[in-house]
Amino acid sequence: MNNASLATADRITHLKVVVLALIASIAIMVIGITAHAVDDARAYGVAATPLKAGKAVMFSTTDTATIVR
């Protein structure tokens, strides 16, 4: 038995190569199917509906009160 080359390999060696290629291709397909894109809204915690802004608030760095009319 000379299994060093694919041209001179016996029938069992050819069968092993075909089975290994089939298993590898199935594994790559399974990884490709399960690695699907995730919706950005669910992935980053973004709200699905926009939020309405509340009343305007004014902040100041001084201790004096500011009244805006």
PDB file of N, CA and C in Angstrom:
ATOM      1  N   MET A   1       0.829  -1.192   0.000  1.00  0.00           N
ATOM      2  CA  MET A   1       0.000   0.000   0.000  1.00  0.00           C
ATOM      3  C   MET A   1       0.868   1.249   0.000  1.00  0.00           C
ATOM      4  N   ASN A   2       0.649   2.071  -0.988  1.00  0.00           N
ATOM      5  CA  ASN A   2       1.365   3.322  -1.081  1.00  0.00           C
ATOM      6  C   ASN A   2       0.337   4.447  -0.999  1.00  0.00           C
ATOM      7  N   ASN A   3       0.135   4.988   0.202  1.00  0.00           N
ATOM      8  CA  ASN A   3      -0.873   6.017   0.414  1.00  0.00           C
ATOM      9  C   ASN A   3      -0.272   7.418   0.504  1.00  0.00           C
ATOM     10  N   ALA A   4       0.936   7.594   0.003  1.00  0.00           N
ATOM     11  CA  ALA A   4       1.597   8.890   0.081  1.00  0.00           C
ATOM     12  C   ALA A   4       1.006   9.880  -0.908  1.00  0.00           C
ATOM     13  N   SER A   5       0.444   9.411  -1.988  1.00  0.00           N
ATOM     14  CA  SER A   5      -0.131  10.261  -3.020  1.00  0.00           C
ATOM     15  C   SER A   5      -1.588   9.859  -3.232  1.00  0.00           C
ATOM     16  N   LEU A   6      -2.408  10.802  -3.610  1.00  0.00           N
ATOM     17  CA  LEU A   6      -3.820  10.499  -3.842  1.00  0.00           C
ATOM     18  C   LEU A   6      -3.986   9.668  -5.121  1.00  0.00           C
ATOM     19  N   ALA A   7      -3.045   9.781  -6.040  1.00  0.00           N
ATOM     20  CA  ALA A   7      -3.127   9.021  -7.288  1.00  0.00           C
ATOM     21  C   ALA A   7      -2.851   7.536  -7.056  1.00  0.00           C
ATOM     22  N   THR A   8      -1.988   7.223  -6.097  1.00  0.00           N
ATOM     23  CA  THR A   8      -1.643   5.821  -5.850  1.00  0.00           C
ATOM     24  C   THR A   8      -2.304   5.262  -4.584  1.00  0.00           C
ATOM     25  N   ALA A   9      -3.201   6.000  -3.976  1.00  0.00           N
ATOM     26  CA  ALA A   9      -3.846   5.546  -2.737  1.00  0.00           C
ATOM     27  C   ALA A   9      -4.886   4.471  -3.042  1.00  0.00           C
ATOM     28  N   ASP A  10      -5.160   3.639  -2.043  1.00  0.00           N
ATOM     29  CA  ASP A  10      -6.150   2.593  -2.222  1.00  0.00           C
ATOM     30  C   ASP A  10      -7.562   3.128  -1.987  1.00  0.00           C
ATOM     31  N   ARG A  11      -8.546   2.272  -2.127  1.00  0.00           N
ATOM     32  CA  ARG A  11      -9.947   2.663  -2.067  1.00  0.00           C
ATOM     33  C   ARG A  11     -10.331   3.201  -0.678  1.00  0.00           C
ATOM     34  N   ILE A  12      -9.843   2.611   0.394  1.00  0.00           N
ATOM     35  CA  ILE A  12     -10.178   3.040   1.756  1.00  0.00           C
ATOM     36  C   ILE A  12      -9.655   4.449   2.018  1.00  0.00           C
ATOM     37  N   THR A  13      -8.468   4.763   1.521  1.00  0.00           N
ATOM     38  CA  THR A  13      -7.905   6.098   1.703  1.00  0.00           C
ATOM     39  C   THR A  13      -8.751   7.139   0.970  1.00  0.00           C
ATOM     40  N   HIS A  14      -9.198   6.836  -0.235  1.00  0.00           N
ATOM     41  CA  HIS A  14     -10.086   7.744  -0.970  1.00  0.00           C
ATOM     42  C   HIS A  14     -11.389   7.951  -0.207  1.00  0.00           C
ATOM     43  N   LEU A  15     -11.931   6.890   0.352  1.00  0.00           N
ATOM     44  CA  LEU A  15     -13.171   6.990   1.123  1.00  0.00           C
ATOM     45  C   LEU A  15     -12.970   7.855   2.356  1.00  0.00           C
ATOM     46  N   LYS A  16     -11.840   7.721   3.030  1.00  0.00           N
ATOM     47  CA  LYS A  16     -11.545   8.544   4.203  1.00  0.00           C
ATOM     48  C   LYS A  16     -11.472  10.022   3.833  1.00  0.00           C
ATOM     49  N   VAL A  17     -10.852  10.333   2.700  1.00  0.00           N
ATOM     50  CA  VAL A  17     -10.735  11.725   2.252  1.00  0.00           C
ATOM     51  C   VAL A  17     -12.116  12.297   1.933  1.00  0.00           C
ATOM     52  N   VAL A  18     -12.947  11.547   1.266  1.00  0.00           N
ATOM     53  CA  VAL A  18     -14.294  12.012   0.915  1.00  0.00           C
ATOM     54  C   VAL A  18     -15.137  12.223   2.169  1.00  0.00           C
ATOM     55  N   VAL A  19     -15.079  11.300   3.108  1.00  0.00           N
ATOM     56  CA  VAL A  19     -15.852  11.431   4.348  1.00  0.00           C
ATOM     57  C   VAL A  19     -15.369  12.628   5.157  1.00  0.00           C
ATOM     58  N   LEU A  20     -14.072  12.834   5.240  1.00  0.00           N
ATOM     59  CA  LEU A  20     -13.530  13.986   5.970  1.00  0.00           C
ATOM     60  C   LEU A  20     -13.952  15.306   5.318  1.00  0.00           C
ATOM     61  N   ALA A  21     -13.946  15.358   3.991  1.00  0.00           N
ATOM     62  CA  ALA A  21     -14.376  16.569   3.284  1.00  0.00           C
ATOM     63  C   ALA A  21     -15.865  16.822   3.512  1.00  0.00           C
ATOM     64  N   LEU A  22     -16.668  15.770   3.530  1.00  0.00           N
ATOM     65  CA  LEU A  22     -18.102  15.918   3.775  1.00  0.00           C
ATOM     66  C   LEU A  22     -18.372  16.428   5.189  1.00  0.00           C
ATOM     67  N   ILE A  23     -17.681  15.879   6.176  1.00  0.00           N
ATOM     68  CA  ILE A  23     -17.859  16.324   7.565  1.00  0.00           C
ATOM     69  C   ILE A  23     -17.414  17.775   7.722  1.00  0.00           C
ATOM     70  N   ALA A  24     -16.299  18.147   7.091  1.00  0.00           N
ATOM     71  CA  ALA A  24     -15.818  19.528   7.187  1.00  0.00           C
ATOM     72  C   ALA A  24     -16.789  20.498   6.528  1.00  0.00           C
ATOM     73  N   SER A  25     -17.358  20.130   5.388  1.00  0.00           N
ATOM     74  CA  SER A  25     -18.300  21.031   4.719  1.00  0.00           C
ATOM     75  C   SER A  25     -19.597  21.173   5.512  1.00  0.00           C
ATOM     76  N   ILE A  26     -20.057  20.113   6.146  1.00  0.00           N
ATOM     77  CA  ILE A  26     -21.253  20.199   6.991  1.00  0.00           C
ATOM     78  C   ILE A  26     -20.972  21.091   8.198  1.00  0.00           C
ATOM     79  N   ALA A  27     -19.790  20.971   8.786  1.00  0.00           N
ATOM     80  CA  ALA A  27     -19.444  21.810   9.937  1.00  0.00           C
ATOM     81  C   ALA A  27     -19.395  23.281   9.541  1.00  0.00           C
ATOM     82  N   ILE A  28     -18.852  23.595   8.377  1.00  0.00           N
ATOM     83  CA  ILE A  28     -18.789  24.985   7.921  1.00  0.00           C
ATOM     84  C   ILE A  28     -20.184  25.522   7.639  1.00  0.00           C
ATOM     85  N   MET A  29     -21.058  24.707   7.078  1.00  0.00           N
ATOM     86  CA  MET A  29     -22.438  25.146   6.823  1.00  0.00           C
ATOM     87  C   MET A  29     -23.180  25.408   8.131  1.00  0.00           C
ATOM     88  N   VAL A  30     -23.000  24.548   9.121  1.00  0.00           N
ATOM     89  CA  VAL A  30     -23.676  24.733  10.409  1.00  0.00           C
ATOM     90  C   VAL A  30     -23.182  26.013  11.081  1.00  0.00           C
ATOM     91  N   ILE A  31     -21.897  26.266  11.039  1.00  0.00           N
ATOM     92  CA  ILE A  31     -21.357  27.498  11.631  1.00  0.00           C
ATOM     93  C   ILE A  31     -21.903  28.716  10.888  1.00  0.00           C
ATOM     94  N   GLY A  32     -21.991  28.659   9.576  1.00  0.00           N
ATOM     95  CA  GLY A  32     -22.516  29.775   8.795  1.00  0.00           C
ATOM     96  C   GLY A  32     -23.984  30.035   9.061  1.00  0.00           C
ATOM     97  N   ILE A  33     -24.762  28.989   9.258  1.00  0.00           N
ATOM     98  CA  ILE A  33     -26.190  29.167   9.515  1.00  0.00           C
ATOM     99  C   ILE A  33     -26.424  29.729  10.908  1.00  0.00           C
ATOM    100  N   THR A  34     -25.669  29.277  11.896  1.00  0.00           N
ATOM    101  CA  THR A  34     -25.896  29.735  13.267  1.00  0.00           C
ATOM    102  C   THR A  34     -25.290  31.102  13.536  1.00  0.00           C
ATOM    103  N   ALA A  35     -24.369  31.574  12.699  1.00  0.00           N
ATOM    104  CA  ALA A  35     -23.748  32.886  12.913  1.00  0.00           C
ATOM    105  C   ALA A  35     -24.517  33.945  12.142  1.00  0.00           C
ATOM    106  N   HIS A  36     -25.787  34.112  12.453  1.00  0.00           N
ATOM    107  CA  HIS A  36     -26.617  35.082  11.759  1.00  0.00           C
ATOM    108  C   HIS A  36     -26.479  36.467  12.388  1.00  0.00           C
ATOM    109  N   ALA A  37     -26.881  37.474  11.648  1.00  0.00           N
ATOM    110  CA  ALA A  37     -26.793  38.856  12.135  1.00  0.00           C
ATOM    111  C   ALA A  37     -27.843  39.088  13.215  1.00  0.00           C
ATOM    112  N   VAL A  38     -27.477  39.872  14.216  1.00  0.00           N
ATOM    113  CA  VAL A  38     -28.379  40.190  15.318  1.00  0.00           C
ATOM    114  C   VAL A  38     -28.940  41.585  15.085  1.00  0.00           C
ATOM    115  N   ASP A  39     -30.212  41.758  15.385  1.00  0.00           N
ATOM    116  CA  ASP A  39     -30.847  43.069  15.265  1.00  0.00           C
ATOM    117  C   ASP A  39     -30.177  44.048  16.219  1.00  0.00           C
ATOM    118  N   ASP A  40     -29.788  45.230  15.724  1.00  0.00           N
ATOM    119  CA  ASP A  40     -29.078  46.209  16.544  1.00  0.00           C
ATOM    120  C   ASP A  40     -29.906  46.695  17.719  1.00  0.00           C
ATOM    121  N   ALA A  41     -31.205  46.780  17.573  1.00  0.00           N
ATOM    122  CA  ALA A  41     -32.053  47.274  18.658  1.00  0.00           C
ATOM    123  C   ALA A  41     -31.998  46.335  19.861  1.00  0.00           C
ATOM    124  N   ARG A  42     -31.955  45.049  19.613  1.00  0.00           N
ATOM    125  CA  ARG A  42     -31.866  44.106  20.730  1.00  0.00           C
ATOM    126  C   ARG A  42     -30.444  43.985  21.251  1.00  0.00           C
ATOM    127  N   ALA A  43     -29.460  44.132  20.370  1.00  0.00           N
ATOM    128  CA  ALA A  43     -28.071  43.913  20.768  1.00  0.00           C
ATOM    129  C   ALA A  43     -27.543  45.021  21.671  1.00  0.00           C
ATOM    130  N   TYR A  44     -27.944  46.252  21.426  1.00  0.00           N
ATOM    131  CA  TYR A  44     -27.387  47.367  22.164  1.00  0.00           C
ATOM    132  C   TYR A  44     -28.366  47.978  23.162  1.00  0.00           C
ATOM    133  N   GLY A  45     -29.518  47.388  23.372  1.00  0.00           N
ATOM    134  CA  GLY A  45     -30.475  47.879  24.345  1.00  0.00           C
ATOM    135  C   GLY A  45     -31.185  49.148  23.923  1.00  0.00           C
ATOM    136  N   VAL A  46     -31.251  49.422  22.647  1.00  0.00           N
ATOM    137  CA  VAL A  46     -31.926  50.616  22.147  1.00  0.00           C
ATOM    138  C   VAL A  46     -33.419  50.363  22.183  1.00  0.00           C
ATOM    139  N   ALA A  47     -34.182  51.371  22.616  1.00  0.00           N
ATOM    140  CA  ALA A  47     -35.632  51.227  22.689  1.00  0.00           C
ATOM    141  C   ALA A  47     -36.202  51.075  21.281  1.00  0.00           C
ATOM    142  N   ALA A  48     -37.221  50.244  21.153  1.00  0.00           N
ATOM    143  CA  ALA A  48     -37.810  50.000  19.848  1.00  0.00           C
ATOM    144  C   ALA A  48     -38.614  51.206  19.377  1.00  0.00           C
ATOM    145  N   THR A  49     -39.246  51.930  20.298  1.00  0.00           N
ATOM    146  CA  THR A  49     -40.018  53.116  19.933  1.00  0.00           C
ATOM    147  C   THR A  49     -39.314  54.341  20.480  1.00  0.00           C
ATOM    148  N   PRO A  50     -39.351  55.450  19.740  1.00  0.00           N
ATOM    149  CA  PRO A  50     -38.689  56.665  20.230  1.00  0.00           C
ATOM    150  C   PRO A  50     -39.402  57.228  21.448  1.00  0.00           C
ATOM    151  N   LEU A  51     -38.644  57.822  22.341  1.00  0.00           N
ATOM    152  CA  LEU A  51     -39.204  58.421  23.548  1.00  0.00           C
ATOM    153  C   LEU A  51     -39.462  59.899  23.321  1.00  0.00           C
ATOM    154  N   LYS A  52     -40.551  60.395  23.895  1.00  0.00           N
ATOM    155  CA  LYS A  52     -40.893  61.806  23.767  1.00  0.00           C
ATOM    156  C   LYS A  52     -40.108  62.592  24.814  1.00  0.00           C
ATOM    157  N   ALA A  53     -39.576  63.725  24.393  1.00  0.00           N
ATOM    158  CA  ALA A  53     -38.795  64.558  25.308  1.00  0.00           C
ATOM    159  C   ALA A  53     -39.714  65.201  26.344  1.00  0.00           C
ATOM    160  N   GLY A  54     -39.204  65.340  27.557  1.00  0.00           N
ATOM    161  CA  GLY A  54     -39.983  65.967  28.629  1.00  0.00           C
ATOM    162  C   GLY A  54     -39.819  67.479  28.628  1.00  0.00           C
ATOM    163  N   LYS A  55     -40.197  68.106  29.739  1.00  0.00           N
ATOM    164  CA  LYS A  55     -40.077  69.559  29.852  1.00  0.00           C
ATOM    165  C   LYS A  55     -38.608  69.952  29.931  1.00  0.00           C
ATOM    166  N   ALA A  56     -38.336  71.168  29.450  1.00  0.00           N
ATOM    167  CA  ALA A  56     -36.977  71.677  29.486  1.00  0.00           C
ATOM    168  C   ALA A  56     -36.588  72.004  30.927  1.00  0.00           C
ATOM    169  N   VAL A  57     -35.364  71.726  31.293  1.00  0.00           N
ATOM    170  CA  VAL A  57     -34.865  71.977  32.635  1.00  0.00           C
ATOM    171  C   VAL A  57     -33.628  72.857  32.509  1.00  0.00           C
ATOM    172  N   MET A  58     -33.519  73.839  33.406  1.00  0.00           N
ATOM    173  CA  MET A  58     -32.364  74.726  33.366  1.00  0.00           C
ATOM    174  C   MET A  58     -31.503  74.472  34.592  1.00  0.00           C
ATOM    175  N   PHE A  59     -30.233  74.320  34.392  1.00  0.00           N
ATOM    176  CA  PHE A  59     -29.292  74.131  35.487  1.00  0.00           C
ATOM    177  C   PHE A  59     -28.352  75.321  35.538  1.00  0.00           C
ATOM    178  N   SER A  60     -27.885  75.622  36.742  1.00  0.00           N
ATOM    179  CA  SER A  60     -26.979  76.733  36.915  1.00  0.00           C
ATOM    180  C   SER A  60     -25.855  76.325  37.864  1.00  0.00           C
ATOM    181  N   THR A  61     -24.713  76.944  37.697  1.00  0.00           N
ATOM    182  CA  THR A  61     -23.589  76.649  38.587  1.00  0.00           C
ATOM    183  C   THR A  61     -23.498  77.633  39.729  1.00  0.00           C
ATOM    184  N   THR A  62     -24.395  78.632  39.751  1.00  0.00           N
ATOM    185  CA  THR A  62     -24.399  79.613  40.850  1.00  0.00           C
ATOM    186  C   THR A  62     -25.501  79.276  41.823  1.00  0.00           C
ATOM    187  N   ASP A  63     -25.479  79.937  42.983  1.00  0.00           N
ATOM    188  CA  ASP A  63     -26.502  79.682  44.010  1.00  0.00           C
ATOM    189  C   ASP A  63     -27.747  80.545  43.832  1.00  0.00           C
ATOM    190  N   THR A  64     -27.731  81.474  42.886  1.00  0.00           N
ATOM    191  CA  THR A  64     -28.887  82.352  42.696  1.00  0.00           C
ATOM    192  C   THR A  64     -29.938  81.649  41.865  1.00  0.00           C
ATOM    193  N   ALA A  65     -31.181  81.868  42.182  1.00  0.00           N
ATOM    194  CA  ALA A  65     -32.283  81.271  41.453  1.00  0.00           C
ATOM    195  C   ALA A  65     -32.572  82.075  40.207  1.00  0.00           C
ATOM    196  N   THR A  66     -32.822  81.410  39.115  1.00  0.00           N
ATOM    197  CA  THR A  66     -33.147  82.056  37.848  1.00  0.00           C
ATOM    198  C   THR A  66     -34.563  81.656  37.482  1.00  0.00           C
ATOM    199  N   ILE A  67     -35.384  82.662  37.215  1.00  0.00           N
ATOM    200  CA  ILE A  67     -36.783  82.405  36.833  1.00  0.00           C
ATOM    201  C   ILE A  67     -36.917  82.791  35.365  1.00  0.00           C
ATOM    202  N   VAL A  68     -37.336  81.836  34.566  1.00  0.00           N
ATOM    203  CA  VAL A  68     -37.502  82.061  33.134  1.00  0.00           C
ATOM    204  C   VAL A  68     -38.996  82.069  32.835  1.00  0.00           C
ATOM    205  N   ARG A  69     -39.449  83.153  32.141  1.00  0.00           N
ATOM    206  CA  ARG A  69     -40.870  83.237  31.782  1.00  0.00           C
ATOM    207  C   ARG A  69     -41.044  83.237  30.305  1.00  0.00           C
TER     208      ARG A  69
END
